[in-house]
Amino acid sequence: MPSSPAPPAAGPTLHGFPPIAGKAPRVLVLGSMPGAASLAARAYYAHPRNLFWPFMADFFGFSTSLPYPLRVRRLVESGVAVWDVLAQCERAGSLDSAIRDETAAANDFEAFFDAHPGIGSVLFNGAKAEASYRRLVPGRRLDDGRLLQRLPSTSPANASQAVDAKREAWRRALQEAGVAVVRRAGDPAPT
């Protein structure tokens, strides 16, 4: 009989960040839990090889060299909210695979969606975010009529997919959610 894989090693209890959300977001991007670089910087997607900010800079016409508060403001102005599924968990290191599921607690999505009723799409930044959301968020608030879509993770740990393919998947999902993205010469036409 094959043995099941050992559970991830215990790590410290980590706590996530408050959401980034303006008054009228149309789309919510959900990660799982900030990685070590993000926790140290107190900023979403702070690892220098994470593709989230380069993608957002490309889509919304700003430089990745902008200070974090200005990048956040550009997202808010574009109708994009950012949060993580998990309010807390135990994890050794930064990898999603190291999250101990039995220690994971979800953020309060009921209150968040009540405060932001215009969100029509939830975009998961990778498989762990989607799986955690589906496992931990109570039934009525699981989708509540919103489009739920998993996108390729922007994490540097997700090197199996080409950057251009990831960028196009993110661009298409934001456009389908009604978010205006900057079109550049050579971009594929919207479908």
C-alpha atoms as a PDB file:
ATOM      1  CA  MET A   1       0.000   0.000   0.000  1.00  0.00           C
ATOM      2  CA  PRO A   2       1.558   3.330  -1.021  1.00  0.00           C
ATOM      3  CA  SER A   3       2.181   5.747   1.785  1.00  0.00           C
ATOM      4  CA  SER A   4       0.763   9.234   1.642  1.00  0.00           C
ATOM      5  CA  PRO A   5       3.182  12.146   1.525  1.00  0.00           C
ATOM      6  CA  ALA A   6       4.236  13.585   4.845  1.00  0.00           C
ATOM      7  CA  PRO A   7       2.457  16.788   5.838  1.00  0.00           C
ATOM      8  CA  PRO A   8       4.466  19.996   5.527  1.00  0.00           C
ATOM      9  CA  ALA A   9       6.774  20.757   8.432  1.00  0.00           C
ATOM     10  CA  ALA A  10       5.445  23.102  11.061  1.00  0.00           C
ATOM     11  CA  GLY A  11       6.437  26.704  10.625  1.00  0.00           C
ATOM     12  CA  PRO A  12       5.551  29.952  12.300  1.00  0.00           C
ATOM     13  CA  THR A  13       1.977  31.211  12.333  1.00  0.00           C
ATOM     14  CA  LEU A  14       1.810  33.866   9.640  1.00  0.00           C
ATOM     15  CA  HIS A  15      -0.761  36.623   9.317  1.00  0.00           C
ATOM     16  CA  GLY A  16      -1.739  38.232   6.022  1.00  0.00           C
ATOM     17  CA  PHE A  17      -2.303  41.855   5.081  1.00  0.00           C
ATOM     18  CA  PRO A  18      -5.429  43.979   4.857  1.00  0.00           C
ATOM     19  CA  PRO A  19      -6.922  44.093   1.371  1.00  0.00           C
ATOM     20  CA  ILE A  20      -6.056  46.646  -1.266  1.00  0.00           C
ATOM     21  CA  ALA A  21      -9.441  47.938  -2.381  1.00  0.00           C
ATOM     22  CA  GLY A  22     -10.808  51.278  -3.443  1.00  0.00           C
ATOM     23  CA  LYS A  23     -14.418  52.361  -3.265  1.00  0.00           C
ATOM     24  CA  ALA A  24     -15.635  50.546  -6.374  1.00  0.00           C
ATOM     25  CA  PRO A  25     -13.455  47.586  -7.402  1.00  0.00           C
ATOM     26  CA  ARG A  26     -14.719  45.396 -10.238  1.00  0.00           C
ATOM     27  CA  VAL A  27     -12.286  42.517  -9.825  1.00  0.00           C
ATOM     28  CA  LEU A  28     -10.587  40.868  -6.849  1.00  0.00           C
ATOM     29  CA  VAL A  29      -7.197  39.187  -7.295  1.00  0.00           C
ATOM     30  CA  LEU A  30      -6.627  36.559  -4.607  1.00  0.00           C
ATOM     31  CA  GLY A  31      -3.339  34.974  -3.651  1.00  0.00           C
ATOM     32  CA  SER A  32      -2.967  32.355  -0.943  1.00  0.00           C
ATOM     33  CA  MET A  33      -0.727  34.004   1.715  1.00  0.00           C
ATOM     34  CA  PRO A  34       2.100  36.536   1.287  1.00  0.00           C
ATOM     35  CA  GLY A  35       5.524  34.957   0.860  1.00  0.00           C
ATOM     36  CA  ALA A  36       8.521  35.665   3.068  1.00  0.00           C
ATOM     37  CA  ALA A  37       9.751  38.602   0.929  1.00  0.00           C
ATOM     38  CA  SER A  38       6.291  40.183   0.975  1.00  0.00           C
ATOM     39  CA  LEU A  39       5.887  39.703   4.718  1.00  0.00           C
ATOM     40  CA  ALA A  40       9.308  41.275   5.321  1.00  0.00           C
ATOM     41  CA  ALA A  41       8.519  44.232   3.034  1.00  0.00           C
ATOM     42  CA  ARG A  42       4.893  44.525   4.227  1.00  0.00           C
ATOM     43  CA  ALA A  43       3.882  44.679   0.567  1.00  0.00           C
ATOM     44  CA  TYR A  44       1.967  42.358  -1.731  1.00  0.00           C
ATOM     45  CA  TYR A  45       4.053  40.482  -4.325  1.00  0.00           C
ATOM     46  CA  ALA A  46       7.386  41.912  -3.134  1.00  0.00           C
ATOM     47  CA  HIS A  47       9.630  39.080  -4.346  1.00  0.00           C
ATOM     48  CA  PRO A  48      11.772  40.647  -7.089  1.00  0.00           C
ATOM     49  CA  ARG A  49      11.056  37.786  -9.517  1.00  0.00           C
ATOM     50  CA  ASN A  50       7.288  37.705  -8.952  1.00  0.00           C
ATOM     51  CA  LEU A  51       5.556  38.759 -12.168  1.00  0.00           C
ATOM     52  CA  PHE A  52       2.482  40.373 -10.587  1.00  0.00           C
ATOM     53  CA  TRP A  53       3.758  43.964 -10.564  1.00  0.00           C
ATOM     54  CA  PRO A  54       5.425  43.767 -14.007  1.00  0.00           C
ATOM     55  CA  PHE A  55       2.135  42.478 -15.443  1.00  0.00           C
ATOM     56  CA  MET A  56       0.064  45.166 -13.706  1.00  0.00           C
ATOM     57  CA  ALA A  57       2.525  47.873 -14.789  1.00  0.00           C
ATOM     58  CA  ASP A  58       2.212  46.664 -18.374  1.00  0.00           C
ATOM     59  CA  PHE A  59      -1.592  46.492 -18.267  1.00  0.00           C
ATOM     60  CA  PHE A  60      -2.155  49.837 -16.550  1.00  0.00           C
ATOM     61  CA  GLY A  61       0.677  51.901 -18.017  1.00  0.00           C
ATOM     62  CA  PHE A  62       2.957  52.557 -15.056  1.00  0.00           C
ATOM     63  CA  SER A  63       6.560  51.752 -14.189  1.00  0.00           C
ATOM     64  CA  THR A  64       7.509  48.949 -11.825  1.00  0.00           C
ATOM     65  CA  SER A  65       9.965  51.426 -10.307  1.00  0.00           C
ATOM     66  CA  LEU A  66       7.093  53.463  -8.848  1.00  0.00           C
ATOM     67  CA  PRO A  67       7.036  53.344  -5.052  1.00  0.00           C
ATOM     68  CA  TYR A  68       4.690  50.686  -3.687  1.00  0.00           C
ATOM     69  CA  PRO A  69       1.978  53.150  -2.519  1.00  0.00           C
ATOM     70  CA  LEU A  70       1.761  54.624  -6.036  1.00  0.00           C
ATOM     71  CA  ARG A  71       1.535  51.184  -7.655  1.00  0.00           C
ATOM     72  CA  VAL A  72      -1.265  50.350  -5.214  1.00  0.00           C
ATOM     73  CA  ARG A  73      -3.039  53.578  -6.138  1.00  0.00           C
ATOM     74  CA  ARG A  74      -2.844  52.698  -9.845  1.00  0.00           C
ATOM     75  CA  LEU A  75      -4.488  49.338  -9.151  1.00  0.00           C
ATOM     76  CA  VAL A  76      -7.248  50.966  -7.110  1.00  0.00           C
ATOM     77  CA  GLU A  77      -7.836  53.566  -9.847  1.00  0.00           C
ATOM     78  CA  SER A  78      -8.116  50.708 -12.358  1.00  0.00           C
ATOM     79  CA  GLY A  79     -10.801  48.881 -10.355  1.00  0.00           C
ATOM     80  CA  VAL A  80      -8.563  46.060  -9.134  1.00  0.00           C
ATOM     81  CA  ALA A  81      -8.620  44.847  -5.524  1.00  0.00           C
ATOM     82  CA  VAL A  82      -5.952  42.530  -4.093  1.00  0.00           C
ATOM     83  CA  TRP A  83      -6.131  40.265  -1.068  1.00  0.00           C
ATOM     84  CA  ASP A  84      -5.245  36.766   0.033  1.00  0.00           C
ATOM     85  CA  VAL A  85      -7.547  33.881   0.799  1.00  0.00           C
ATOM     86  CA  LEU A  86      -5.824  33.137   4.080  1.00  0.00           C
ATOM     87  CA  ALA A  87      -5.893  35.431   7.079  1.00  0.00           C
ATOM     88  CA  GLN A  88      -3.402  33.151   8.806  1.00  0.00           C
ATOM     89  CA  CYS A  89      -1.641  29.820   8.487  1.00  0.00           C
ATOM     90  CA  GLU A  90       1.492  27.959   9.488  1.00  0.00           C
ATOM     91  CA  ARG A  91       4.108  27.694   6.772  1.00  0.00           C
ATOM     92  CA  ALA A  92       7.837  27.012   6.740  1.00  0.00           C
ATOM     93  CA  GLY A  93       9.377  29.146   3.977  1.00  0.00           C
ATOM     94  CA  SER A  94       7.448  30.769   1.146  1.00  0.00           C
ATOM     95  CA  LEU A  95       6.055  27.938  -0.956  1.00  0.00           C
ATOM     96  CA  ASP A  96       2.305  27.367  -1.076  1.00  0.00           C
ATOM     97  CA  SER A  97       2.986  23.638  -0.814  1.00  0.00           C
ATOM     98  CA  ALA A  98       4.425  24.263   2.674  1.00  0.00           C
ATOM     99  CA  ILE A  99       1.156  25.706   4.014  1.00  0.00           C
ATOM    100  CA  ARG A 100      -0.287  23.414   6.671  1.00  0.00           C
ATOM    101  CA  ASP A 101      -3.926  23.252   5.587  1.00  0.00           C
ATOM    102  CA  GLU A 102      -5.161  22.313   9.056  1.00  0.00           C
ATOM    103  CA  THR A 103      -3.867  25.664  10.374  1.00  0.00           C
ATOM    104  CA  ALA A 104      -5.339  27.790   7.587  1.00  0.00           C
ATOM    105  CA  ALA A 105      -8.079  30.307   8.363  1.00  0.00           C
ATOM    106  CA  ALA A 106      -9.810  32.325   5.655  1.00  0.00           C
ATOM    107  CA  ASN A 107     -10.278  36.067   5.565  1.00  0.00           C
ATOM    108  CA  ASP A 108     -13.799  37.440   6.131  1.00  0.00           C
ATOM    109  CA  PHE A 109     -15.113  37.406   2.575  1.00  0.00           C
ATOM    110  CA  GLU A 110     -18.711  37.941   3.613  1.00  0.00           C
ATOM    111  CA  ALA A 111     -17.889  41.355   5.077  1.00  0.00           C
ATOM    112  CA  PHE A 112     -15.538  42.162   2.189  1.00  0.00           C
ATOM    113  CA  PHE A 113     -18.081  41.397  -0.537  1.00  0.00           C
ATOM    114  CA  ASP A 114     -20.821  43.206   1.388  1.00  0.00           C
ATOM    115  CA  ALA A 115     -18.563  46.286   1.424  1.00  0.00           C
ATOM    116  CA  HIS A 116     -17.637  45.877  -2.276  1.00  0.00           C
ATOM    117  CA  PRO A 117     -20.782  44.664  -4.086  1.00  0.00           C
ATOM    118  CA  GLY A 118     -19.477  45.734  -7.513  1.00  0.00           C
ATOM    119  CA  ILE A 119     -16.899  42.944  -7.653  1.00  0.00           C
ATOM    120  CA  GLY A 120     -18.043  40.676 -10.457  1.00  0.00           C
ATOM    121  CA  SER A 121     -14.924  38.549 -10.880  1.00  0.00           C
ATOM    122  CA  VAL A 122     -12.491  36.809  -8.566  1.00  0.00           C
ATOM    123  CA  LEU A 123      -9.150  35.943 -10.151  1.00  0.00           C
ATOM    124  CA  PHE A 124      -7.045  33.397  -8.287  1.00  0.00           C
ATOM    125  CA  ASN A 125      -3.293  33.854  -8.532  1.00  0.00           C
ATOM    126  CA  GLY A 126      -2.515  30.156  -8.782  1.00  0.00           C
ATOM    127  CA  ALA A 127      -3.977  26.801  -7.814  1.00  0.00           C
ATOM    128  CA  LYS A 128      -3.412  27.003  -4.041  1.00  0.00           C
ATOM    129  CA  ALA A 129      -5.399  30.239  -3.772  1.00  0.00           C
ATOM    130  CA  GLU A 130      -8.316  28.686  -5.643  1.00  0.00           C
ATOM    131  CA  ALA A 131      -8.220  25.420  -3.676  1.00  0.00           C
ATOM    132  CA  SER A 132      -8.040  27.252  -0.339  1.00  0.00           C
ATOM    133  CA  TYR A 133     -10.941  29.520  -1.280  1.00  0.00           C
ATOM    134  CA  ARG A 134     -13.150  26.637  -2.391  1.00  0.00           C
ATOM    135  CA  ARG A 135     -12.301  24.682   0.775  1.00  0.00           C
ATOM    136  CA  LEU A 136     -12.610  27.467   3.352  1.00  0.00           C
ATOM    137  CA  VAL A 137     -15.196  29.974   2.125  1.00  0.00           C
ATOM    138  CA  PRO A 138     -18.770  29.120   3.147  1.00  0.00           C
ATOM    139  CA  GLY A 139     -21.230  28.087   0.428  1.00  0.00           C
ATOM    140  CA  ARG A 140     -23.282  31.247  -0.104  1.00  0.00           C
ATOM    141  CA  ARG A 141     -20.168  33.365  -0.463  1.00  0.00           C
ATOM    142  CA  LEU A 142     -18.280  30.867  -2.587  1.00  0.00           C
ATOM    143  CA  ASP A 143     -19.281  32.649  -5.768  1.00  0.00           C
ATOM    144  CA  ASP A 144     -22.508  34.583  -5.103  1.00  0.00           C
ATOM    145  CA  GLY A 145     -22.898  35.037  -8.851  1.00  0.00           C
ATOM    146  CA  ARG A 146     -19.295  36.123  -9.387  1.00  0.00           C
ATOM    147  CA  LEU A 147     -17.049  34.690 -12.062  1.00  0.00           C
ATOM    148  CA  LEU A 148     -14.308  32.629 -10.404  1.00  0.00           C
ATOM    149  CA  GLN A 149     -11.219  32.036 -12.515  1.00  0.00           C
ATOM    150  CA  ARG A 150      -7.847  30.479 -11.731  1.00  0.00           C
ATOM    151  CA  LEU A 151      -4.904  32.121 -13.464  1.00  0.00           C
ATOM    152  CA  PRO A 152      -1.309  30.980 -13.735  1.00  0.00           C
ATOM    153  CA  SER A 153       0.622  31.894 -10.620  1.00  0.00           C
ATOM    154  CA  THR A 154       2.890  34.914 -10.942  1.00  0.00           C
ATOM    155  CA  SER A 155       5.246  33.358  -8.375  1.00  0.00           C
ATOM    156  CA  PRO A 156       8.824  32.637  -9.439  1.00  0.00           C
ATOM    157  CA  ALA A 157       8.167  29.058  -8.264  1.00  0.00           C
ATOM    158  CA  ASN A 158       5.816  28.666 -11.267  1.00  0.00           C
ATOM    159  CA  ALA A 159       8.405  28.425 -14.022  1.00  0.00           C
ATOM    160  CA  SER A 160       6.641  25.729 -16.065  1.00  0.00           C
ATOM    161  CA  GLN A 161       4.646  28.181 -18.198  1.00  0.00           C
ATOM    162  CA  ALA A 162       6.101  30.817 -20.520  1.00  0.00           C
ATOM    163  CA  VAL A 163       5.932  34.393 -19.239  1.00  0.00           C
ATOM    164  CA  ASP A 164       4.155  35.605 -22.392  1.00  0.00           C
ATOM    165  CA  ALA A 165       1.446  32.952 -21.995  1.00  0.00           C
ATOM    166  CA  LYS A 166       0.941  33.929 -18.352  1.00  0.00           C
ATOM    167  CA  ARG A 167       0.790  37.623 -19.250  1.00  0.00           C
ATOM    168  CA  GLU A 168      -1.810  36.990 -21.947  1.00  0.00           C
ATOM    169  CA  ALA A 169      -3.975  34.879 -19.594  1.00  0.00           C
ATOM    170  CA  TRP A 170      -3.936  37.696 -17.023  1.00  0.00           C
ATOM    171  CA  ARG A 171      -4.641  40.358 -19.663  1.00  0.00           C
ATOM    172  CA  ARG A 172      -7.580  38.404 -21.072  1.00  0.00           C
ATOM    173  CA  ALA A 173      -9.063  37.732 -17.610  1.00  0.00           C
ATOM    174  CA  LEU A 174      -8.892  41.407 -16.627  1.00  0.00           C
ATOM    175  CA  GLN A 175     -10.489  42.461 -19.912  1.00  0.00           C
ATOM    176  CA  GLU A 176     -13.261  39.882 -19.486  1.00  0.00           C
ATOM    177  CA  ALA A 177     -13.849  41.301 -15.994  1.00  0.00           C
ATOM    178  CA  GLY A 178     -14.458  44.731 -17.529  1.00  0.00           C
ATOM    179  CA  VAL A 179     -11.138  46.262 -16.521  1.00  0.00           C
ATOM    180  CA  ALA A 180      -9.583  48.559 -19.131  1.00  0.00           C
ATOM    181  CA  VAL A 181      -6.006  47.543 -19.871  1.00  0.00           C
ATOM    182  CA  VAL A 182      -3.457  49.416 -21.959  1.00  0.00           C
ATOM    183  CA  ARG A 183      -3.013  47.974 -25.422  1.00  0.00           C
ATOM    184  CA  ARG A 184       0.496  48.052 -26.802  1.00  0.00           C
ATOM    185  CA  ALA A 185       1.721  47.547 -30.350  1.00  0.00           C
ATOM    186  CA  GLY A 186       1.899  43.839 -31.025  1.00  0.00           C
ATOM    187  CA  ASP A 187      -0.676  42.886 -28.390  1.00  0.00           C
ATOM    188  CA  PRO A 188      -3.192  40.327 -29.602  1.00  0.00           C
ATOM    189  CA  ALA A 189      -6.615  41.770 -30.378  1.00  0.00           C
ATOM    190  CA  PRO A 190      -9.210  41.195 -27.646  1.00  0.00           C
ATOM    191  CA  THR A 191     -11.463  38.213 -28.296  1.00  0.00           C
END
